[in-house]
Amino acid sequence: MKTRYLNALFFTLIFCISCSTNQMSDNIVFKWIDAEIDKKYFEKVAMVIESNFGVDTNTIRLQLDLAAPESMLYINHLPTYLTNDLGDSIFSSKELNYKLPSEYRIKVGNNISRRDFLIMNYETDENLEESIKYFPDVSSIGTLGRDIIKQSILIDYSKCMINIDLPKQKLNKLKDQAVLKLDIHIEDNYLIYLPVSVKDKIYWVMMDTGSSMFNLLLNQTGFLAFNPKENFDSFNISAWGESTNVKLVSDSIAFNLGNKLFSMDKFFYRSDQNFDCLRLSKPNEIAIGVIGNQLFLENKIIIDYENSEFYILE
């Protein structure tokens, strides 16, 4: 359901907050982005990893969005030497598969080196161009998607650090420390769905690292499942290249992930039909919304794509 254009929303940037950590050989440090959206201030809207184009030492920023199947770069923010290499072909379409020249490959941490990216051309879509007009003045911006991971990812939110494809022995040792293990659905080999219990009924929510600002974002089905008070504060976001209304709901709700209870007195709701089309391949299982990073900021999580498992560590 999630389209690659959702990334544009999360770069309505105001400033970055750096997190300090002792960097180890297999650690990748990320920074948080804060944002003002429709005159409302939100903390930790996006997870950003800094890198550079090989021999070019200028900093580039890449959002970690595991609900994007492919890693991508935006034509509007590429350096001239790369747009010249792309030529006129990019301007005739919204996207183009591209292999970076060898000397400009992007490294993430010490173990990931990439040349293959999807180039997105926002110049072909006025709505999308409008949605990214607040990009900061950095040399380039893009997204790291599901394709950077072969088997698993560990995200340590408290230390602002991730590990990708840890050795099996080390990964299993960390799993043994988990306070919660969930068997999950992975749709189309990238979308992560977690089972949640609402009033003794099982539903499914998509876990989206690209939706950092949301503790819980419900669709119509999810809103009816919780049946909260209609105490709304509305604001607009840019999603799928269009302005979309989101409601911040003030009411107490609770749900379970496995045996772990989560409660909150504010959450989010989208009533438009586009968002209500969250779907699972199994017809009897119902998706009710999206969970972002906010729910796990005090924890570590492991997503094991190979075994369709999700872990929470304290």
Protein backbone atom coordinates (compact mmCIF):
# COMPACT_ATOMS: atom_id res chain seq x y z
CA MET A 1 0.00 0.00 0.00
CA LYS A 2 2.73 2.43 0.95
CA THR A 3 4.04 4.23 -2.10
CA ARG A 4 7.52 5.57 -2.48
CA TYR A 5 6.18 9.15 -2.62
CA LEU A 6 5.40 9.13 1.09
CA ASN A 7 9.05 9.90 1.69
CA ALA A 8 8.53 13.48 0.59
CA LEU A 9 6.41 14.21 3.68
CA PHE A 10 9.13 13.56 6.18
CA PHE A 11 11.62 16.07 4.85
CA THR A 12 9.61 19.17 5.80
CA LEU A 13 12.62 19.97 7.88
CA ILE A 14 13.51 22.45 10.54
CA PHE A 15 16.66 21.06 12.16
CA CYS A 16 18.63 17.95 13.08
CA ILE A 17 19.34 16.59 16.51
CA SER A 18 22.52 14.53 16.81
CA CYS A 19 22.65 11.55 19.11
CA SER A 20 25.95 10.49 20.59
CA THR A 21 27.12 6.90 20.72
CA ASN A 22 30.35 4.97 20.77
CA GLN A 23 30.66 3.85 17.18
CA MET A 24 31.75 0.25 16.68
CA SER A 25 32.87 -1.34 13.43
CA ASP A 26 29.40 -2.64 12.53
CA ASN A 27 27.39 0.29 13.93
CA ILE A 28 25.64 2.88 11.76
CA VAL A 29 24.72 6.12 13.52
CA PHE A 30 21.56 8.03 12.61
CA LYS A 31 20.26 11.48 13.48
CA TRP A 32 16.74 12.63 14.20
CA ILE A 33 14.96 15.28 12.14
CA ASP A 34 12.45 17.60 13.82
CA ALA A 35 9.85 19.43 11.76
CA GLU A 36 7.13 22.02 11.70
CA ILE A 37 4.18 20.68 9.70
CA ASP A 38 1.18 22.92 9.06
CA LYS A 39 2.37 25.24 11.88
CA LYS A 40 2.60 22.32 14.34
CA TYR A 41 5.96 21.25 15.76
CA PHE A 42 6.85 17.56 15.86
CA GLU A 43 9.98 15.95 17.28
CA LYS A 44 11.78 13.01 15.69
CA VAL A 45 9.94 13.06 12.38
CA ALA A 46 12.60 11.13 10.44
CA MET A 47 15.71 8.97 10.93
CA VAL A 48 18.57 10.24 8.79
CA ILE A 49 21.91 8.61 8.00
CA GLU A 50 24.70 10.80 6.69
CA SER A 51 27.08 9.70 3.95
CA ASN A 52 28.68 11.07 0.79
CA PHE A 53 29.16 10.30 -2.90
CA GLY A 54 32.49 8.50 -2.74
CA VAL A 55 35.28 10.90 -3.67
CA ASP A 56 32.91 13.84 -3.13
CA THR A 57 33.18 14.67 0.58
CA ASN A 58 30.03 16.83 0.75
CA THR A 59 27.47 15.41 3.17
CA ILE A 60 24.32 13.73 1.89
CA ARG A 61 21.35 12.75 4.06
CA LEU A 62 19.41 9.53 3.57
CA GLN A 63 16.20 8.74 5.43
CA LEU A 64 15.81 5.19 6.71
CA ASP A 65 12.40 4.10 5.40
CA LEU A 66 11.86 0.36 5.49
CA ALA A 67 8.40 0.77 3.94
CA ALA A 68 10.14 1.81 0.73
CA PRO A 69 11.12 -1.25 -1.32
CA GLU A 70 14.01 0.51 -3.06
CA SER A 71 16.66 3.01 -2.03
CA MET A 72 16.35 6.25 -3.94
CA LEU A 73 17.88 9.64 -4.67
CA TYR A 74 16.02 12.78 -5.73
CA ILE A 75 17.01 14.43 -9.00
CA ASN A 76 16.40 17.91 -7.57
CA HIS A 77 19.17 17.37 -5.03
CA LEU A 78 21.82 15.55 -7.04
CA PRO A 79 25.17 17.21 -7.75
CA THR A 80 25.69 18.47 -11.30
CA TYR A 81 28.21 15.78 -12.21
CA LEU A 82 25.52 13.11 -11.66
CA THR A 83 22.69 14.92 -13.45
CA ASN A 84 25.04 15.38 -16.39
CA ASP A 85 25.78 11.66 -16.34
CA LEU A 86 22.04 10.88 -16.28
CA GLY A 87 21.45 13.07 -19.33
CA ASP A 88 17.98 13.93 -20.63
CA SER A 89 16.47 10.49 -19.94
CA ILE A 90 15.45 11.32 -16.38
CA PHE A 91 13.38 14.33 -17.40
CA SER A 92 10.98 12.19 -19.47
CA SER A 93 9.84 10.06 -16.51
CA LYS A 94 9.24 10.26 -12.77
CA GLU A 95 11.74 7.54 -11.94
CA LEU A 96 14.75 5.80 -13.40
CA ASN A 97 16.98 2.95 -12.23
CA TYR A 98 20.56 4.18 -12.09
CA LYS A 99 23.98 2.79 -11.22
CA LEU A 100 26.26 5.42 -9.72
CA PRO A 101 29.73 5.68 -11.27
CA SER A 102 32.14 3.55 -9.24
CA GLU A 103 34.01 6.53 -7.75
CA TYR A 104 30.73 7.97 -6.40
CA ARG A 105 29.36 4.87 -4.68
CA ILE A 106 27.61 5.55 -1.37
CA LYS A 107 28.90 3.84 1.75
CA VAL A 108 26.71 3.28 4.80
CA GLY A 109 28.78 2.32 7.81
CA ASN A 110 31.75 0.07 7.11
CA ASN A 111 29.91 -2.85 5.55
CA ILE A 112 27.44 -1.43 3.01
CA SER A 113 28.49 0.05 -0.33
CA ARG A 114 25.84 0.89 -2.95
CA ARG A 115 25.76 2.05 -6.53
CA ASP A 116 22.21 1.03 -7.48
CA PHE A 117 19.51 3.59 -6.72
CA LEU A 118 16.12 4.61 -8.02
CA ILE A 119 16.29 8.23 -9.17
CA MET A 120 13.07 10.15 -8.47
CA ASN A 121 12.24 13.15 -10.62
CA TYR A 122 9.92 15.51 -8.75
CA GLU A 123 10.10 18.07 -11.55
CA THR A 124 7.52 16.02 -13.45
CA ASP A 125 4.92 16.44 -10.68
CA GLU A 126 3.91 19.87 -9.40
CA ASN A 127 2.31 18.47 -6.25
CA LEU A 128 5.43 16.53 -5.33
CA GLU A 129 7.66 19.50 -6.04
CA GLU A 130 5.53 21.60 -3.71
CA SER A 131 5.79 18.97 -0.98
CA ILE A 132 9.61 19.08 -0.83
CA LYS A 133 10.12 22.84 -1.06
CA TYR A 134 11.32 22.94 2.56
CA PHE A 135 14.36 20.74 1.96
CA PRO A 136 17.42 22.15 3.72
CA ASP A 137 20.41 23.35 1.78
CA VAL A 138 22.44 20.15 1.72
CA SER A 139 24.21 18.59 -1.22
CA SER A 140 21.78 15.70 -1.69
CA ILE A 141 18.85 13.90 -0.11
CA GLY A 142 17.51 10.39 -0.58
CA THR A 143 16.09 7.28 1.05
CA LEU A 144 17.55 4.00 2.24
CA GLY A 145 14.90 1.35 1.74
CA ARG A 146 14.36 -2.33 2.42
CA ASP A 147 16.86 -3.33 -0.27
CA ILE A 148 19.87 -2.44 1.90
CA ILE A 149 19.02 -5.40 4.18
CA LYS A 150 19.52 -9.06 3.36
CA GLN A 151 18.26 -10.71 6.52
CA SER A 152 17.83 -8.49 9.59
CA ILE A 153 18.17 -5.07 11.17
CA LEU A 154 18.69 -4.00 14.78
CA ILE A 155 17.57 -0.47 15.68
CA ASP A 156 18.76 0.92 19.01
CA TYR A 157 16.63 4.05 19.41
CA SER A 158 18.18 5.17 22.68
CA LYS A 159 21.68 5.25 21.18
CA CYS A 160 20.64 6.35 17.66
CA MET A 161 22.36 3.36 16.13
CA ILE A 162 21.48 0.55 13.72
CA ASN A 163 23.13 -2.74 12.78
CA ILE A 164 22.34 -4.45 9.50
CA ASP A 165 22.74 -8.20 8.91
CA LEU A 166 24.54 -9.03 12.14
CA PRO A 167 26.26 -12.43 12.23
CA LYS A 168 23.78 -15.15 13.19
CA GLN A 169 25.48 -15.98 16.49
CA LYS A 170 25.44 -12.35 17.63
CA LEU A 171 21.86 -11.85 16.41
CA ASN A 172 20.63 -14.94 18.27
CA LYS A 173 22.33 -13.78 21.47
CA LEU A 174 20.46 -10.48 21.23
CA LYS A 175 17.19 -12.28 20.55
CA ASP A 176 17.64 -14.17 23.80
CA GLN A 177 17.52 -10.81 25.61
CA ALA A 178 14.17 -9.84 24.09
CA VAL A 179 11.19 -9.03 26.28
CA LEU A 180 8.82 -9.66 23.37
CA LYS A 181 8.85 -11.78 20.23
CA LEU A 182 6.18 -11.55 17.53
CA ASP A 183 5.56 -13.63 14.46
CA ILE A 184 4.83 -11.07 11.74
CA HIS A 185 3.66 -10.82 8.15
CA ILE A 186 6.01 -9.43 5.53
CA GLU A 187 4.08 -8.40 2.46
CA ASP A 188 5.83 -8.18 -0.94
CA ASN A 189 9.13 -8.93 0.85
CA TYR A 190 9.30 -5.49 2.48
CA LEU A 191 6.15 -4.25 4.26
CA ILE A 192 6.16 -5.28 7.93
CA TYR A 193 2.83 -6.02 9.64
CA LEU A 194 2.60 -6.62 13.39
CA PRO A 195 -0.35 -8.30 15.16
CA VAL A 196 -2.12 -6.10 17.71
CA SER A 197 -4.87 -7.03 20.13
CA VAL A 198 -7.69 -4.49 20.50
CA LYS A 199 -10.49 -5.41 22.86
CA ASP A 200 -9.58 -9.12 22.54
CA LYS A 201 -9.65 -9.03 18.74
CA ILE A 202 -6.53 -9.40 16.57
CA TYR A 203 -5.77 -6.79 13.91
CA TRP A 204 -2.60 -5.86 12.04
CA VAL A 205 -0.61 -2.63 11.82
CA MET A 206 2.20 -1.74 9.47
CA MET A 207 5.51 -0.92 11.18
CA ASP A 208 7.01 1.98 9.22
CA THR A 209 10.36 3.56 10.10
CA GLY A 210 9.52 6.30 7.58
CA SER A 211 6.51 7.37 9.68
CA SER A 212 8.50 8.39 12.72
CA MET A 213 6.12 11.08 13.96
CA PHE A 214 3.24 8.66 14.50
CA ASN A 215 2.89 6.52 17.60
CA LEU A 216 -0.24 5.12 15.97
CA LEU A 217 -1.98 6.31 12.80
CA LEU A 218 -5.38 4.67 12.31
CA ASN A 219 -7.47 4.22 9.20
CA GLN A 220 -11.28 4.18 9.30
CA THR A 221 -11.42 0.52 10.31
CA GLY A 222 -8.97 1.12 13.14
CA PHE A 223 -10.84 4.15 14.39
CA LEU A 224 -14.05 2.14 14.61
CA ALA A 225 -12.22 -0.70 16.38
CA PHE A 226 -11.07 1.64 19.19
CA ASN A 227 -14.21 3.82 19.07
CA PRO A 228 -12.59 6.82 20.81
CA LYS A 229 -14.13 10.18 21.59
CA GLU A 230 -14.17 12.46 18.56
CA ASN A 231 -11.90 15.08 20.09
CA PHE A 232 -9.82 16.18 17.09
CA ASP A 233 -7.12 18.68 16.25
CA SER A 234 -6.65 18.60 12.46
CA PHE A 235 -3.64 19.48 10.34
CA ASN A 236 -2.47 18.80 6.80
CA ILE A 237 0.47 16.74 5.64
CA SER A 238 1.85 16.05 2.19
CA ALA A 239 1.52 12.38 1.23
CA TRP A 240 1.46 10.70 -2.14
CA GLY A 241 2.09 14.12 -3.63
CA GLU A 242 -1.17 15.54 -2.30
CA SER A 243 -2.26 17.46 0.76
CA THR A 244 -3.94 15.05 3.19
CA ASN A 245 -5.78 15.81 6.40
CA VAL A 246 -4.65 14.06 9.58
CA LYS A 247 -6.48 14.28 12.88
CA LEU A 248 -4.65 14.30 16.21
CA VAL A 249 -7.09 12.56 18.55
CA SER A 250 -7.06 13.25 22.30
CA ASP A 251 -8.44 10.21 24.11
CA SER A 252 -7.04 7.29 26.08
CA ILE A 253 -6.70 4.00 24.21
CA ALA A 254 -4.74 0.79 24.77
CA PHE A 255 -3.69 -2.25 22.79
CA ASN A 256 -1.36 -5.21 23.11
CA LEU A 257 1.60 -6.31 21.05
CA GLY A 258 1.84 -9.88 22.27
CA ASN A 259 1.87 -9.67 26.07
CA LYS A 260 3.11 -6.07 26.15
CA LEU A 261 0.50 -3.40 26.82
CA PHE A 262 0.76 -0.02 25.14
CA SER A 263 -1.42 2.88 26.22
CA MET A 264 -1.58 6.45 24.96
CA ASP A 265 -3.74 9.52 25.39
CA LYS A 266 -3.06 10.94 21.93
CA PHE A 267 -2.84 9.25 18.56
CA PHE A 268 -3.53 9.99 14.88
CA TYR A 269 -6.32 9.22 12.41
CA ARG A 270 -6.70 9.49 8.64
CA SER A 271 -10.22 9.14 7.32
CA ASP A 272 -9.50 9.36 3.58
CA GLN A 273 -10.11 6.31 1.42
CA ASN A 274 -6.53 6.15 0.12
CA PHE A 275 -5.26 5.30 3.58
CA ASP A 276 -8.07 2.83 4.22
CA CYS A 277 -6.66 0.56 1.51
CA LEU A 278 -4.03 -1.02 3.76
CA ARG A 279 -4.30 -4.64 2.76
CA LEU A 280 -2.90 -8.02 3.76
CA SER A 281 -2.65 -10.97 1.39
CA LYS A 282 -4.59 -13.17 3.82
CA PRO A 283 -8.26 -12.22 3.36
CA ASN A 284 -9.38 -12.78 6.95
CA GLU A 285 -6.75 -10.50 8.48
CA ILE A 286 -7.55 -6.80 8.84
CA ALA A 287 -5.03 -3.94 8.75
CA ILE A 288 -6.02 -0.92 10.84
CA GLY A 289 -3.13 1.53 10.52
CA VAL A 290 0.55 2.32 10.92
CA ILE A 291 2.95 2.27 13.87
CA GLY A 292 5.97 4.54 13.62
CA ASN A 293 9.19 4.78 15.60
CA GLN A 294 7.61 6.80 18.45
CA LEU A 295 6.34 3.65 20.13
CA PHE A 296 9.82 2.20 20.63
CA LEU A 297 12.02 5.20 21.49
CA GLU A 298 13.14 3.68 24.80
CA ASN A 299 13.89 0.28 23.29
CA LYS A 300 15.87 -1.70 20.80
CA ILE A 301 14.00 -3.64 18.13
CA ILE A 302 15.04 -6.43 15.77
CA ILE A 303 13.30 -7.08 12.47
CA ASP A 304 14.22 -10.51 11.15
CA TYR A 305 13.04 -10.63 7.55
CA GLU A 306 14.44 -14.10 6.96
CA ASN A 307 12.30 -15.68 9.68
CA SER A 308 9.39 -13.17 9.75
CA GLU A 309 10.03 -12.21 13.37
CA PHE A 310 9.95 -8.96 15.36
CA TYR A 311 11.67 -8.49 18.74
CA ILE A 312 11.58 -5.77 21.38
CA LEU A 313 14.55 -5.45 23.73
CA GLU A 314 14.63 -3.15 26.74
